[in-house]
Amino acid sequence: MTDLDFVTIGKRIKEFRQSKGITQEFIANILDVNPSHISNIECGRANPSLTILVKIANILECSVDCFLDAEYTFDKYKVSDLDSIVMEKLSLYDDSKKEKLIKMMDII
């Protein structure tokens, strides 16, 4: 196994944080770390511990898997590329938007 791609993991954290309208400072305050540490994680200059990843996921109300999904190399449960794209986009929406999408899909 190769090392984890912390640059990609950091980018995913940043995407989720921004989609929720949450600042680096807000996360840093909850984690009791310097905001620059959150910036370093998001830029891939710092490798977060599993504990920090879980705490960030909890703050952003998502699964750690949302940050790590690109790291999996197995294809036992391979999902089509289109399904993956849909799931990735859905993961960024809040519940209200997801409910609207479900209604739209039911109409189709």
Foldseek 3Di string as FASTA:
>chain_A
DDDAQQQQLLCLLVLLCVLVVHALVNLCVVVVHDSVVNVCSNRVVDDDDPVSLCSSCVVSVHDSCSSCVVVDDDCPVPDDPVVVVVVNVVRSDDPVVVVVVVVVVVVD
